[in-house]
C-alpha atoms as a PDB file:
ATOM      1  CA  MET A   1      -0.234   0.059  -0.013  1.00  0.00           C
ATOM      2  CA  ALA A   2       1.337   3.372  -1.052  1.00  0.00           C
ATOM      3  CA  THR A   3       1.774   6.183   1.715  1.00  0.00           C
ATOM      4  CA  SER A   4       0.789   9.759   0.460  1.00  0.00           C
ATOM      5  CA  ARG A   5       3.762  12.141   0.845  1.00  0.00           C
ATOM      6  CA  ALA A   6       3.120  15.606   1.197  1.00  0.00           C
ATOM      7  CA  PHE A   7       5.517  17.643  -0.691  1.00  0.00           C
ATOM      8  CA  SER A   8       7.132  21.314   0.318  1.00  0.00           C
ATOM      9  CA  ILE A   9       6.631  24.098  -2.152  1.00  0.00           C
ATOM     10  CA  GLU A  10      10.667  23.858  -2.770  1.00  0.00           C
ATOM     11  CA  GLU A  11      10.193  20.308  -3.738  1.00  0.00           C
ATOM     12  CA  GLN A  12       7.024  20.758  -5.660  1.00  0.00           C
ATOM     13  CA  THR A  13       8.524  23.444  -7.993  1.00  0.00           C
ATOM     14  CA  ARG A  14      11.674  21.188  -8.198  1.00  0.00           C
ATOM     15  CA  LEU A  15       9.395  18.216  -9.587  1.00  0.00           C
ATOM     16  CA  LYS A  16       7.582  20.215 -11.828  1.00  0.00           C
ATOM     17  CA  GLN A  17      10.911  21.914 -13.128  1.00  0.00           C
ATOM     18  CA  ILE A  18      12.286  17.764 -13.602  1.00  0.00           C
ATOM     19  CA  VAL A  19       9.199  16.831 -15.285  1.00  0.00           C
ATOM     20  CA  GLN A  20       8.985  19.408 -17.592  1.00  0.00           C
ATOM     21  CA  GLU A  21      12.849  19.227 -18.680  1.00  0.00           C
ATOM     22  CA  GLY A  22      12.387  15.496 -18.799  1.00  0.00           C
ATOM     23  CA  CYS A  23       9.486  15.834 -21.335  1.00  0.00           C
ATOM     24  CA  ALA A  24      11.422  18.666 -23.390  1.00  0.00           C
ATOM     25  CA  VAL A  25      14.512  16.312 -23.465  1.00  0.00           C
ATOM     26  CA  HIS A  26      12.108  13.155 -24.718  1.00  0.00           C
ATOM     27  CA  LEU A  27      10.371  15.369 -27.165  1.00  0.00           C
ATOM     28  CA  GLU A  28      13.956  16.318 -28.544  1.00  0.00           C
ATOM     29  CA  MET A  29      15.201  12.953 -28.606  1.00  0.00           C
ATOM     30  CA  ASP A  30      12.103  11.597 -30.481  1.00  0.00           C
ATOM     31  CA  THR A  31      12.507  14.292 -33.250  1.00  0.00           C
ATOM     32  CA  LEU A  32      16.303  13.465 -33.680  1.00  0.00           C
ATOM     33  CA  LYS A  33      15.141   9.811 -33.548  1.00  0.00           C
ATOM     34  CA  GLU A  34      12.619  10.530 -36.334  1.00  0.00           C
ATOM     35  CA  GLY A  35      15.080  12.698 -38.489  1.00  0.00           C
ATOM     36  CA  LEU A  36      17.823  10.080 -38.382  1.00  0.00           C
ATOM     37  CA  SER A  37      15.464   7.257 -39.337  1.00  0.00           C
ATOM     38  CA  ASP A  38      14.507   9.294 -42.106  1.00  0.00           C
ATOM     39  CA  THR A  39      17.993   9.966 -42.983  1.00  0.00           C
ATOM     40  CA  VAL A  40      19.520   6.678 -42.839  1.00  0.00           C
ATOM     41  CA  LYS A  41      16.194   5.394 -44.990  1.00  0.00           C
ATOM     42  CA  ALA A  42      17.466   7.838 -47.718  1.00  0.00           C
ATOM     43  CA  ILE A  43      21.041   7.296 -47.519  1.00  0.00           C
ATOM     44  CA  ALA A  44      20.230   3.332 -47.642  1.00  0.00           C
ATOM     45  CA  GLU A  45      18.061   3.685 -50.762  1.00  0.00           C
ATOM     46  CA  GLU A  46      20.513   5.996 -52.454  1.00  0.00           C
ATOM     47  CA  MET A  47      23.406   3.417 -51.693  1.00  0.00           C
ATOM     48  CA  ASP A  48      21.280   0.168 -52.184  1.00  0.00           C
ATOM     49  CA  LEU A  49      21.586  -0.858 -48.773  1.00  0.00           C
ATOM     50  CA  LYS A  50      19.169  -2.201 -45.906  1.00  0.00           C
ATOM     51  CA  PRO A  51      18.560   0.370 -43.496  1.00  0.00           C
ATOM     52  CA  SER A  52      18.799  -2.084 -40.595  1.00  0.00           C
ATOM     53  CA  ILE A  53      22.584  -2.967 -41.567  1.00  0.00           C
ATOM     54  CA  LEU A  54      23.223   0.890 -41.651  1.00  0.00           C
ATOM     55  CA  ASN A  55      21.365   1.273 -38.469  1.00  0.00           C
ATOM     56  CA  LYS A  56      23.287  -1.649 -36.969  1.00  0.00           C
ATOM     57  CA  ALA A  57      26.604   0.100 -38.169  1.00  0.00           C
ATOM     58  CA  ILE A  58      25.541   3.276 -36.641  1.00  0.00           C
ATOM     59  CA  ARG A  59      25.049   1.504 -32.980  1.00  0.00           C
ATOM     60  CA  ILE A  60      28.510  -0.717 -33.439  1.00  0.00           C
ATOM     61  CA  ALA A  61      29.971   2.769 -33.977  1.00  0.00           C
ATOM     62  CA  HIS A  62      28.673   4.854 -31.186  1.00  0.00           C
ATOM     63  CA  LYS A  63      29.165   1.942 -28.635  1.00  0.00           C
ATOM     64  CA  ALA A  64      32.683   1.346 -30.029  1.00  0.00           C
ATOM     65  CA  SER A  65      31.603  -2.296 -29.995  1.00  0.00           C
ATOM     66  CA  PHE A  66      33.108  -3.632 -33.049  1.00  0.00           C
ATOM     67  CA  GLN A  67      35.255  -6.126 -31.519  1.00  0.00           C
ATOM     68  CA  ASP A  68      32.431  -7.459 -29.534  1.00  0.00           C
ATOM     69  CA  GLU A  69      30.015  -7.917 -32.404  1.00  0.00           C
ATOM     70  CA  SER A  70      32.807  -9.736 -34.426  1.00  0.00           C
ATOM     71  CA  GLU A  71      33.556 -11.997 -31.478  1.00  0.00           C
ATOM     72  CA  ASN A  72      29.976 -12.760 -31.591  1.00  0.00           C
ATOM     73  CA  PHE A  73      29.704 -13.285 -35.277  1.00  0.00           C
ATOM     74  CA  ASP A  74      32.467 -15.819 -35.101  1.00  0.00           C
ATOM     75  CA  GLU A  75      30.672 -17.634 -32.262  1.00  0.00           C
ATOM     76  CA  LEU A  76      27.501 -17.757 -34.419  1.00  0.00           C
ATOM     77  CA  GLU A  77      29.288 -18.803 -37.495  1.00  0.00           C
ATOM     78  CA  THR A  78      31.036 -21.861 -35.393  1.00  0.00           C
ATOM     79  CA  ILE A  79      27.574 -22.613 -34.183  1.00  0.00           C
ATOM     80  CA  LEU A  80      25.856 -22.804 -37.404  1.00  0.00           C
ATOM     81  CA  GLU A  81      29.184 -24.604 -39.298  1.00  0.00           C
ATOM     82  CA  THR A  82      28.519 -27.286 -36.202  1.00  0.00           C
ATOM     83  CA  VAL A  83      25.058 -27.996 -36.993  1.00  0.00           C
ATOM     84  CA  GLY A  84      25.873 -28.264 -40.938  1.00  0.00           C
ATOM     85  CA  MET A  85      24.670 -24.804 -42.115  1.00  0.00           C
ATOM     86  CA  THR A  86      27.432 -23.181 -44.011  1.00  0.00           C
ATOM     87  CA  LEU A  87      27.581 -19.600 -44.833  1.00  0.00           C
END
């Protein structure tokens, strides 16, 4: 069972501010993601690439995780070869 808490005027002001700022940040993030998605689709089409592959390249570059991805792919390749599915 939740208990009610009375917030002071200062706390109410801080809560309102953080909620407003958080909403603004999320709106900006949504707008930026939508713009990136449109750009990726356009470039992928121009270069005859799948947008999902281009998005994956962006995620890997952002996280600087190419080595991890490469190791995961090597493991995946080994598993598929083991079960008789060659690439």
